[in-house]
Amino acid sequence: MLEEFKKFIAQGNVLDLAVGIIIGGAFGKIVSSMVSDVIMPLIGKVMNGINFTESFIALNGQAATTLEEAKKGGAVLAYGSFMQNIIDFLIVAFVIFMIVRQANKLKKPAPAA
């Protein structure tokens, strides 16, 4: 089993996977920043100044002015943060789709049998 593991690592697949994970993590941070710092403020401006990062419903029935205050008081339904995460996911998924699409176009078709 140890020999098989050494052979697996030597093939280069592990290195490719590690590079992909590192680049994916960095890309995720860029997308998160773009969504929270650019896209959501623009959406909020269009929707009469709504700040989606502070959009929540306090489930304990107490009034709170900020999300942080509400979280200290108990359970919170932070739907604004959820919306941001959905937008993050959609952007990352779209970019990955485009990369896979381009990679598939570059592949040579399999020879006919």
Protein backbone atom coordinates (compact mmCIF):
# COMPACT_ATOMS: atom_id res chain seq x y z
CA MET A 1 0.00 0.00 0.00
CA LEU A 2 2.89 2.37 0.76
CA GLU A 3 4.38 1.78 -2.69
CA GLU A 4 1.02 2.43 -4.30
CA PHE A 5 0.71 5.69 -2.33
CA LYS A 6 4.20 6.82 -3.43
CA LYS A 7 3.29 6.08 -7.04
CA PHE A 8 0.04 8.07 -6.69
CA ILE A 9 1.89 11.10 -5.31
CA ALA A 10 4.58 10.89 -7.98
CA GLN A 11 2.02 11.02 -10.80
CA GLY A 12 1.46 14.73 -10.28
CA ASN A 13 -2.27 14.49 -9.60
CA VAL A 14 -1.77 15.46 -5.97
CA LEU A 15 0.26 18.52 -6.93
CA ASP A 16 -2.39 19.59 -9.46
CA LEU A 17 -5.08 19.12 -6.83
CA ALA A 18 -3.13 21.17 -4.25
CA VAL A 19 -2.59 24.02 -6.71
CA GLY A 20 -6.28 23.95 -7.63
CA ILE A 21 -7.35 24.13 -3.99
CA ILE A 22 -5.02 27.05 -3.25
CA ILE A 23 -6.10 29.01 -6.31
CA GLY A 24 -9.76 28.17 -5.61
CA GLY A 25 -9.46 29.49 -2.06
CA ALA A 26 -7.91 32.74 -3.24
CA PHE A 27 -10.53 33.09 -5.99
CA GLY A 28 -13.28 32.50 -3.43
CA LYS A 29 -11.96 35.38 -1.32
CA ILE A 30 -11.93 37.67 -4.35
CA VAL A 31 -15.50 36.73 -5.25
CA SER A 32 -16.66 37.18 -1.65
CA SER A 33 -15.12 40.64 -1.55
CA MET A 34 -16.65 41.56 -4.89
CA VAL A 35 -20.09 40.47 -3.74
CA SER A 36 -19.98 42.06 -0.28
CA ASP A 37 -18.11 45.24 -1.28
CA VAL A 38 -19.43 45.94 -4.79
CA ILE A 39 -22.52 43.98 -5.81
CA MET A 40 -24.58 44.00 -2.59
CA PRO A 41 -24.09 47.76 -1.95
CA LEU A 42 -25.26 48.46 -5.52
CA ILE A 43 -28.31 46.23 -5.04
CA GLY A 44 -28.98 47.95 -1.73
CA LYS A 45 -28.75 51.38 -3.37
CA VAL A 46 -31.21 50.37 -6.08
CA MET A 47 -33.58 49.04 -3.39
CA ASN A 48 -33.76 52.33 -1.44
CA GLY A 49 -30.62 51.92 0.67
CA ILE A 50 -31.23 48.45 2.13
CA ASN A 51 -28.09 47.00 3.76
CA PHE A 52 -28.38 43.29 3.12
CA THR A 53 -25.54 42.34 5.46
CA GLU A 54 -27.61 43.74 8.33
CA SER A 55 -30.87 42.15 7.17
CA PHE A 56 -32.06 39.70 9.80
CA ILE A 57 -34.97 38.53 11.88
CA ALA A 58 -34.34 38.06 15.60
CA LEU A 59 -36.06 34.82 16.58
CA ASN A 60 -36.13 35.63 20.30
CA GLY A 61 -38.73 38.38 19.76
CA GLN A 62 -36.48 41.17 21.06
CA ALA A 63 -35.70 44.23 18.97
CA ALA A 64 -32.07 44.70 17.90
CA THR A 65 -30.56 47.34 15.63
CA THR A 66 -27.55 45.36 14.41
CA LEU A 67 -26.95 41.76 13.48
CA GLU A 68 -24.24 41.50 16.13
CA GLU A 69 -26.67 42.63 18.85
CA ALA A 70 -29.29 40.19 17.64
CA LYS A 71 -26.80 37.27 17.69
CA LYS A 72 -25.89 38.09 21.29
CA GLY A 73 -29.58 37.87 22.19
CA GLY A 74 -30.13 34.42 20.75
CA ALA A 75 -31.11 32.73 17.52
CA VAL A 76 -31.16 34.92 14.40
CA LEU A 77 -32.37 34.34 10.86
CA ALA A 78 -29.65 36.26 8.96
CA TYR A 79 -31.22 36.16 5.50
CA GLY A 80 -29.00 38.99 4.19
CA SER A 81 -25.83 36.97 4.78
CA PHE A 82 -27.52 33.96 3.21
CA MET A 83 -28.33 35.99 0.08
CA GLN A 84 -24.68 37.09 -0.16
CA ASN A 85 -23.50 33.50 0.09
CA ILE A 86 -25.91 32.42 -2.65
CA ILE A 87 -24.57 35.15 -4.95
CA ASP A 88 -20.97 34.11 -4.09
CA PHE A 89 -21.79 30.52 -4.97
CA LEU A 90 -23.48 31.41 -8.25
CA ILE A 91 -20.50 33.49 -9.40
CA VAL A 92 -17.97 30.79 -8.48
CA ALA A 93 -20.12 28.07 -10.09
CA PHE A 94 -20.47 30.12 -13.28
CA VAL A 95 -16.72 30.70 -13.53
CA ILE A 96 -16.00 27.01 -12.94
CA PHE A 97 -18.59 26.14 -15.60
CA MET A 98 -16.85 28.46 -18.08
CA ILE A 99 -13.42 26.96 -17.28
CA VAL A 100 -14.68 23.38 -17.69
CA ARG A 101 -16.48 24.36 -20.89
CA GLN A 102 -13.27 25.83 -22.35
CA ALA A 103 -11.22 22.82 -21.23
CA ASN A 104 -13.68 20.48 -22.92
CA LYS A 105 -13.41 22.47 -26.15
CA LEU A 106 -9.61 22.15 -26.05
CA LYS A 107 -9.68 18.37 -25.60
CA LYS A 108 -9.11 16.36 -28.72
CA PRO A 109 -12.06 14.16 -29.59
CA ALA A 110 -11.55 10.46 -28.95
CA PRO A 111 -10.62 8.52 -32.08
CA ALA A 112 -13.46 6.64 -33.69
CA ALA A 113 -13.53 2.95 -32.94
